[in-house]
């Protein structure tokens, strides 16, 4: 059983200055900032980051602080990056959630959304469900990608969306697509990360290409340091079809193309043992780099939004596709 405690943020950050290099050899390069972000967000002080709790507020403050340091812009309608929303809980009560939305303007009007949910399950029977892999890891990956594009101006405008209340039914993502900060028709694609830090087999799955096969060309499956695999997006797979099982589902419902990056369920999934010490750091560093590589490839595509829209028209209307 874990003991709940609270530490000032500055003290906690100093505690995280020494990153654990579990199961890594001396020649494997780890991303220390990436690991630090996970260690902070998955610490007991954040109490599992359940929507509507003090722990979730602490997580938001941490993400906002990182956004500010990276120089991400905030939309005028979102004071200090916060998109607040309300939804009905399972018992009918009103629950307040908050997405953290920042962006880096591009050279054209096309928009790429890079997303990850920061909430988790909170405290259950006095145990902290830290959610290191689910989904402090995706949030850390989002911050890594934001850091890259903060230094390298993107071709397309990139929105970085840290969603709340994914564990309660993709509520944050649904609120975002229901009231986006830009014209929804300018959003070309959602690139979502959920559980990218824990794989003993070194496998990172990319789903979304079953519906949008043209997106395969942006994914490098020949990487020698990690297995990047397509799959988990065929409707015939039933529960193993992940299309609508994380925040990309809200974008899919609006017919917005997506790629989802994640690992298969592991022994610590939705358990109190999903802690920082249970992730696989070397795999995580490589997985986050692989996702960044996909974002860079997609961002380099000129006319992205129209290209993807044309591909959708061709798939939905085979006769029209013959004209292209």
Foldseek 3Di string as FASTA:
>chain_A
DDDADADPPVVLLVVLQDADQPPDDPPFDFDSLLLSLLQSQLDSNLQQLAAPDPSVVVNVVVLLVLCVVLPFAAQPVAVSQWDKDWDAAPVRDIGIGIKRKTKAAAQDLAEEEEEEESGGDGADPNFRQRCSLFPSLSSSLLSVLSNVCSVPPFNHMYMYMHFHDQVRPLVRLLVCCVPPSDDNLRYQEYEYEGRQFADPVQEKEKEQCVLPVVLVVLADCPDPQGGYYYDLCDVVVPVSNCCLSGNNVSVVVVVRGYIYIHDDDDPCVSHSPSGSVRTNRSSSRVRSVRSSSSVRSQRVDPPRRVVSVVSNVCVVDVVVVVVD
